[in-house]
Amino acid sequence: FTFPQFRVAPMGSFSRIIKRDDEKCVWDLYCQSDMGFGRLFGYGSFDKGMAAFLECVRALQDHVRSVDPSFSPPYRIVDHKVEEFSVKLQFNTYERWTKALKYMLTNIKWLVASSLNKRA
């Protein structure tokens, strides 16, 4: 499976995500700052990267669902939100952001379990 819109570039603690149709669109999957104006203005690349990564998770869920119609992850992904919680850190509370990531990771866990069930 290849993500249709993005390419993930694993680089340890400094991973990035790249838009396939525009290699100049490179967004961070790590957060650089938590101080001062960074809270208001410094999360642009990270927020776009997290939204793109969530889109990759949604695309993979759709693919698995097309192969196995019984696959039904517990949390719904729409745009940059899991259920009603945004994966974007800017203008969000840490509690709501953490819950969004928890839900996203739970859906990823379901994807992994689904792939392991197919192998057995």
N, C-alpha and C. Protein backbone atom coordinates (compact mmCIF):
# COMPACT_ATOMS: atom_id res chain seq x y z
N PHE A 1 0.84 -1.18 0.00
CA PHE A 1 0.00 0.00 0.00
C PHE A 1 0.88 1.24 0.00
N THR A 2 0.53 2.21 -0.82
CA THR A 2 1.22 3.49 -0.88
C THR A 2 0.22 4.59 -0.57
N PHE A 3 0.58 5.47 0.33
CA PHE A 3 -0.31 6.59 0.65
C PHE A 3 -0.48 7.44 -0.60
N PRO A 4 -1.71 7.76 -0.97
CA PRO A 4 -1.93 8.48 -2.23
C PRO A 4 -1.46 9.93 -2.23
N GLN A 5 -1.56 10.63 -1.11
CA GLN A 5 -1.26 12.06 -1.11
C GLN A 5 0.08 12.43 -0.49
N PHE A 6 0.61 11.57 0.38
CA PHE A 6 1.79 11.95 1.15
C PHE A 6 2.81 10.83 1.19
N ARG A 7 4.05 11.22 1.46
CA ARG A 7 5.14 10.27 1.69
C ARG A 7 5.74 10.59 3.05
N VAL A 8 5.79 9.60 3.91
CA VAL A 8 6.36 9.79 5.25
C VAL A 8 7.87 9.57 5.14
N ALA A 9 8.62 10.53 5.71
CA ALA A 9 10.09 10.45 5.71
C ALA A 9 10.54 10.22 7.15
N PRO A 10 10.71 8.94 7.54
CA PRO A 10 11.14 8.66 8.91
C PRO A 10 12.59 9.09 9.11
N MET A 11 12.80 9.99 10.07
CA MET A 11 14.14 10.52 10.34
C MET A 11 14.35 10.60 11.84
N GLY A 12 14.03 9.52 12.55
CA GLY A 12 14.19 9.50 14.00
C GLY A 12 13.29 10.52 14.67
N SER A 13 13.88 11.34 15.52
CA SER A 13 13.11 12.35 16.25
C SER A 13 12.72 13.55 15.39
N PHE A 14 13.17 13.57 14.14
CA PHE A 14 12.90 14.70 13.26
C PHE A 14 12.22 14.25 11.97
N SER A 15 11.27 13.35 12.08
CA SER A 15 10.55 12.83 10.92
C SER A 15 9.71 13.93 10.27
N ARG A 16 9.47 13.72 8.98
CA ARG A 16 8.71 14.69 8.21
C ARG A 16 7.72 13.96 7.31
N ILE A 17 6.80 14.73 6.75
CA ILE A 17 5.85 14.19 5.79
C ILE A 17 5.86 15.11 4.57
N ILE A 18 5.85 14.51 3.38
CA ILE A 18 6.04 15.25 2.14
C ILE A 18 4.83 15.03 1.25
N LYS A 19 4.31 16.10 0.68
CA LYS A 19 3.18 16.01 -0.24
C LYS A 19 3.67 15.44 -1.56
N ARG A 20 3.00 14.42 -2.08
CA ARG A 20 3.47 13.73 -3.29
C ARG A 20 3.46 14.61 -4.53
N ASP A 21 2.46 15.44 -4.70
CA ASP A 21 2.37 16.23 -5.92
C ASP A 21 3.15 17.55 -5.85
N ASP A 22 3.76 17.83 -4.70
CA ASP A 22 4.58 19.05 -4.55
C ASP A 22 5.67 18.77 -3.52
N GLU A 23 6.82 18.35 -3.99
CA GLU A 23 7.93 17.97 -3.10
C GLU A 23 8.42 19.13 -2.24
N LYS A 24 8.00 20.36 -2.54
CA LYS A 24 8.39 21.50 -1.73
C LYS A 24 7.57 21.60 -0.45
N CYS A 25 6.43 20.93 -0.43
CA CYS A 25 5.58 20.91 0.77
C CYS A 25 6.09 19.82 1.71
N VAL A 26 6.93 20.22 2.64
CA VAL A 26 7.51 19.31 3.62
C VAL A 26 7.13 19.83 5.00
N TRP A 27 6.46 18.98 5.77
CA TRP A 27 5.98 19.39 7.09
C TRP A 27 6.58 18.50 8.17
N ASP A 28 6.79 19.10 9.32
CA ASP A 28 7.41 18.39 10.44
C ASP A 28 6.40 17.48 11.15
N LEU A 29 6.91 16.36 11.62
CA LEU A 29 6.14 15.49 12.50
C LEU A 29 6.74 15.53 13.91
N TYR A 30 7.36 16.64 14.21
CA TYR A 30 7.91 16.89 15.54
C TYR A 30 7.66 18.35 15.87
N CYS A 31 7.60 18.63 17.15
CA CYS A 31 7.30 19.98 17.61
C CYS A 31 8.59 20.61 18.14
N GLN A 32 8.91 21.80 17.66
CA GLN A 32 10.17 22.43 18.04
C GLN A 32 10.11 23.25 19.31
N SER A 33 8.96 23.87 19.60
CA SER A 33 8.94 24.84 20.68
C SER A 33 7.66 24.73 21.49
N ASP A 34 7.76 25.15 22.75
CA ASP A 34 6.58 25.20 23.60
C ASP A 34 6.58 26.49 24.41
N MET A 35 7.31 27.49 23.94
CA MET A 35 7.44 28.71 24.73
C MET A 35 6.91 29.92 23.98
N GLY A 36 6.44 30.89 24.74
CA GLY A 36 6.09 32.22 24.23
C GLY A 36 5.18 32.21 23.02
N PHE A 37 5.62 32.96 21.99
CA PHE A 37 4.81 33.10 20.79
C PHE A 37 4.75 31.81 19.99
N GLY A 38 5.60 30.84 20.30
CA GLY A 38 5.54 29.55 19.61
C GLY A 38 4.18 28.92 19.74
N ARG A 39 3.54 29.13 20.85
CA ARG A 39 2.20 28.57 21.08
C ARG A 39 1.19 29.15 20.09
N LEU A 40 1.39 30.41 19.69
CA LEU A 40 0.46 31.05 18.76
C LEU A 40 0.88 30.91 17.30
N PHE A 41 2.19 31.01 17.05
CA PHE A 41 2.64 31.09 15.66
C PHE A 41 3.59 29.98 15.23
N GLY A 42 4.15 29.23 16.17
CA GLY A 42 5.23 28.32 15.82
C GLY A 42 4.84 26.90 15.46
N TYR A 43 3.57 26.59 15.41
CA TYR A 43 3.17 25.21 15.18
C TYR A 43 2.66 24.95 13.77
N GLY A 44 2.83 25.89 12.85
CA GLY A 44 2.27 25.75 11.50
C GLY A 44 2.71 24.48 10.80
N SER A 45 4.01 24.25 10.72
CA SER A 45 4.53 23.06 10.04
C SER A 45 4.13 21.78 10.77
N PHE A 46 4.20 21.81 12.09
CA PHE A 46 3.83 20.63 12.89
C PHE A 46 2.35 20.33 12.73
N ASP A 47 1.50 21.35 12.80
CA ASP A 47 0.06 21.14 12.66
C ASP A 47 -0.29 20.58 11.28
N LYS A 48 0.33 21.11 10.25
CA LYS A 48 0.08 20.60 8.89
C LYS A 48 0.59 19.17 8.76
N GLY A 49 1.72 18.89 9.38
CA GLY A 49 2.27 17.54 9.35
C GLY A 49 1.37 16.54 10.07
N MET A 50 0.85 16.95 11.22
CA MET A 50 -0.05 16.05 11.97
C MET A 50 -1.35 15.81 11.21
N ALA A 51 -1.88 16.85 10.59
CA ALA A 51 -3.10 16.69 9.80
C ALA A 51 -2.84 15.77 8.60
N ALA A 52 -1.68 15.91 7.97
CA ALA A 52 -1.32 15.05 6.84
C ALA A 52 -1.14 13.61 7.30
N PHE A 53 -0.50 13.42 8.46
CA PHE A 53 -0.32 12.06 8.99
C PHE A 53 -1.67 11.43 9.30
N LEU A 54 -2.58 12.20 9.86
CA LEU A 54 -3.92 11.69 10.14
C LEU A 54 -4.63 11.30 8.85
N GLU A 55 -4.40 12.06 7.79
CA GLU A 55 -4.96 11.71 6.48
C GLU A 55 -4.40 10.39 5.99
N CYS A 56 -3.13 10.13 6.26
CA CYS A 56 -2.53 8.84 5.91
C CYS A 56 -3.20 7.70 6.67
N VAL A 57 -3.45 7.92 7.95
CA VAL A 57 -4.13 6.90 8.75
C VAL A 57 -5.53 6.64 8.19
N ARG A 58 -6.25 7.71 7.84
CA ARG A 58 -7.58 7.56 7.27
C ARG A 58 -7.54 6.82 5.94
N ALA A 59 -6.56 7.13 5.08
CA ALA A 59 -6.43 6.44 3.79
C ALA A 59 -6.14 4.96 3.99
N LEU A 60 -5.29 4.63 4.96
CA LEU A 60 -5.00 3.23 5.24
C LEU A 60 -6.23 2.51 5.78
N GLN A 61 -6.99 3.18 6.64
CA GLN A 61 -8.24 2.60 7.14
C GLN A 61 -9.20 2.31 5.99
N ASP A 62 -9.32 3.25 5.06
CA ASP A 62 -10.20 3.06 3.91
C ASP A 62 -9.75 1.87 3.07
N HIS A 63 -8.44 1.74 2.89
CA HIS A 63 -7.91 0.61 2.13
C HIS A 63 -8.22 -0.72 2.82
N VAL A 64 -7.96 -0.78 4.12
CA VAL A 64 -8.23 -2.01 4.87
C VAL A 64 -9.73 -2.34 4.83
N ARG A 65 -10.56 -1.32 4.94
CA ARG A 65 -12.02 -1.51 4.88
C ARG A 65 -12.45 -2.03 3.51
N SER A 66 -11.76 -1.62 2.44
CA SER A 66 -12.10 -2.10 1.09
C SER A 66 -11.73 -3.58 0.93
N VAL A 67 -10.70 -4.02 1.64
CA VAL A 67 -10.29 -5.42 1.60
C VAL A 67 -11.11 -6.26 2.57
N ASP A 68 -11.41 -5.68 3.73
CA ASP A 68 -12.16 -6.38 4.77
C ASP A 68 -13.31 -5.48 5.25
N PRO A 69 -14.50 -5.66 4.67
CA PRO A 69 -15.63 -4.80 5.04
C PRO A 69 -16.02 -4.87 6.52
N SER A 70 -15.58 -5.89 7.22
CA SER A 70 -15.91 -5.99 8.64
C SER A 70 -15.01 -5.11 9.52
N PHE A 71 -13.93 -4.57 8.93
CA PHE A 71 -13.02 -3.71 9.69
C PHE A 71 -13.73 -2.41 10.03
N SER A 72 -13.77 -2.11 11.32
CA SER A 72 -14.44 -0.90 11.78
C SER A 72 -13.68 -0.34 12.98
N PRO A 73 -12.76 0.61 12.73
CA PRO A 73 -11.99 1.18 13.84
C PRO A 73 -12.92 1.96 14.78
N PRO A 74 -12.53 2.10 16.03
CA PRO A 74 -13.44 2.68 17.02
C PRO A 74 -13.70 4.17 16.87
N TYR A 75 -12.78 4.91 16.24
CA TYR A 75 -12.94 6.36 16.19
C TYR A 75 -12.99 6.85 14.75
N ARG A 76 -13.88 7.79 14.49
CA ARG A 76 -14.11 8.36 13.17
C ARG A 76 -13.11 9.49 12.91
N ILE A 77 -12.52 9.48 11.71
CA ILE A 77 -11.57 10.51 11.30
C ILE A 77 -12.21 11.34 10.20
N VAL A 78 -12.28 12.66 10.43
CA VAL A 78 -12.78 13.60 9.43
C VAL A 78 -11.86 14.82 9.45
N ASP A 79 -11.32 15.15 8.28
CA ASP A 79 -10.38 16.27 8.15
C ASP A 79 -9.22 16.11 9.13
N HIS A 80 -9.01 17.08 10.01
CA HIS A 80 -7.90 17.03 10.95
C HIS A 80 -8.38 16.63 12.34
N LYS A 81 -9.53 15.94 12.40
CA LYS A 81 -10.10 15.58 13.70
C LYS A 81 -10.35 14.09 13.81
N VAL A 82 -10.14 13.59 15.03
CA VAL A 82 -10.54 12.24 15.39
C VAL A 82 -11.71 12.43 16.35
N GLU A 83 -12.87 11.92 15.93
CA GLU A 83 -14.11 12.29 16.62
C GLU A 83 -14.20 13.81 16.57
N GLU A 84 -14.33 14.49 17.70
CA GLU A 84 -14.39 15.96 17.67
C GLU A 84 -13.09 16.61 18.12
N PHE A 85 -12.01 15.84 18.24
CA PHE A 85 -10.75 16.34 18.76
C PHE A 85 -9.72 16.53 17.64
N SER A 86 -9.15 17.73 17.57
CA SER A 86 -8.21 18.08 16.52
C SER A 86 -6.80 17.61 16.87
N VAL A 87 -6.06 17.16 15.83
CA VAL A 87 -4.66 16.79 16.02
C VAL A 87 -3.75 18.00 15.88
N LYS A 88 -4.33 19.16 15.60
CA LYS A 88 -3.55 20.39 15.51
C LYS A 88 -3.36 20.96 16.91
N LEU A 89 -2.14 21.33 17.22
CA LEU A 89 -1.81 21.82 18.55
C LEU A 89 -2.13 23.31 18.72
N GLN A 90 -1.97 24.07 17.66
CA GLN A 90 -2.22 25.51 17.75
C GLN A 90 -3.70 25.78 18.03
N PHE A 91 -3.98 26.67 18.95
CA PHE A 91 -5.34 27.05 19.37
C PHE A 91 -6.11 25.87 19.95
N ASN A 92 -5.43 24.91 20.51
CA ASN A 92 -6.05 23.73 21.10
C ASN A 92 -5.56 23.62 22.54
N THR A 93 -6.29 22.90 23.37
CA THR A 93 -5.79 22.63 24.72
C THR A 93 -4.99 21.34 24.68
N TYR A 94 -4.06 21.21 25.61
CA TYR A 94 -3.26 19.99 25.66
C TYR A 94 -4.12 18.77 25.93
N GLU A 95 -5.16 18.92 26.73
CA GLU A 95 -6.03 17.79 27.05
C GLU A 95 -6.76 17.29 25.80
N ARG A 96 -7.32 18.22 25.03
CA ARG A 96 -8.05 17.82 23.81
C ARG A 96 -7.09 17.27 22.75
N TRP A 97 -5.90 17.86 22.63
CA TRP A 97 -4.91 17.39 21.67
C TRP A 97 -4.43 15.99 22.04
N THR A 98 -4.19 15.78 23.33
CA THR A 98 -3.76 14.47 23.80
C THR A 98 -4.82 13.41 23.54
N LYS A 99 -6.07 13.77 23.74
CA LYS A 99 -7.16 12.83 23.47
C LYS A 99 -7.24 12.49 21.98
N ALA A 100 -7.03 13.49 21.12
CA ALA A 100 -7.01 13.24 19.67
C ALA A 100 -5.91 12.25 19.31
N LEU A 101 -4.72 12.42 19.88
CA LEU A 101 -3.61 11.51 19.59
C LEU A 101 -3.87 10.12 20.16
N LYS A 102 -4.48 10.06 21.33
CA LYS A 102 -4.83 8.77 21.92
C LYS A 102 -5.78 8.02 21.00
N TYR A 103 -6.79 8.70 20.50
CA TYR A 103 -7.75 8.08 19.59
C TYR A 103 -7.10 7.66 18.28
N MET A 104 -6.21 8.52 17.75
CA MET A 104 -5.51 8.17 16.52
C MET A 104 -4.65 6.92 16.72
N LEU A 105 -3.92 6.87 17.84
CA LEU A 105 -3.08 5.70 18.11
C LEU A 105 -3.92 4.44 18.32
N THR A 106 -5.10 4.60 18.90
CA THR A 106 -5.99 3.44 19.05
C THR A 106 -6.41 2.92 17.68
N ASN A 107 -6.75 3.81 16.76
CA ASN A 107 -7.10 3.36 15.41
C ASN A 107 -5.91 2.69 14.73
N ILE A 108 -4.70 3.21 14.94
CA ILE A 108 -3.50 2.58 14.37
C ILE A 108 -3.32 1.19 14.97
N LYS A 109 -3.58 1.05 16.25
CA LYS A 109 -3.50 -0.25 16.90
C LYS A 109 -4.47 -1.24 16.24
N TRP A 110 -5.65 -0.77 15.92
CA TRP A 110 -6.63 -1.63 15.23
C TRP A 110 -6.13 -2.01 13.84
N LEU A 111 -5.45 -1.09 13.15
CA LEU A 111 -4.89 -1.40 11.84
C LEU A 111 -3.81 -2.48 11.94
N VAL A 112 -2.96 -2.36 12.94
CA VAL A 112 -1.91 -3.36 13.15
C VAL A 112 -2.53 -4.71 13.47
N ALA A 113 -3.52 -4.73 14.37
CA ALA A 113 -4.19 -5.98 14.73
C ALA A 113 -4.87 -6.61 13.52
N SER A 114 -5.46 -5.79 12.67
CA SER A 114 -6.10 -6.30 11.47
C SER A 114 -5.09 -6.95 10.53
N SER A 115 -3.94 -6.32 10.38
CA SER A 115 -2.91 -6.89 9.50
C SER A 115 -2.36 -8.19 10.07
N LEU A 116 -2.26 -8.28 11.39
CA LEU A 116 -1.77 -9.51 12.01
C LEU A 116 -2.79 -10.62 11.89
N ASN A 117 -4.07 -10.30 11.97
CA ASN A 117 -5.13 -11.30 11.81
C ASN A 117 -5.14 -11.86 10.39
N LYS A 118 -4.82 -11.07 9.41
CA LYS A 118 -4.79 -11.53 8.02
C LYS A 118 -3.64 -12.48 7.76
N ARG A 119 -2.54 -12.31 8.51
CA ARG A 119 -1.37 -13.17 8.34
C ARG A 119 -1.57 -14.54 8.97
N ALA A 120 -2.35 -14.58 10.04
CA ALA A 120 -2.52 -15.84 10.79
C ALA A 120 -3.37 -16.85 10.06
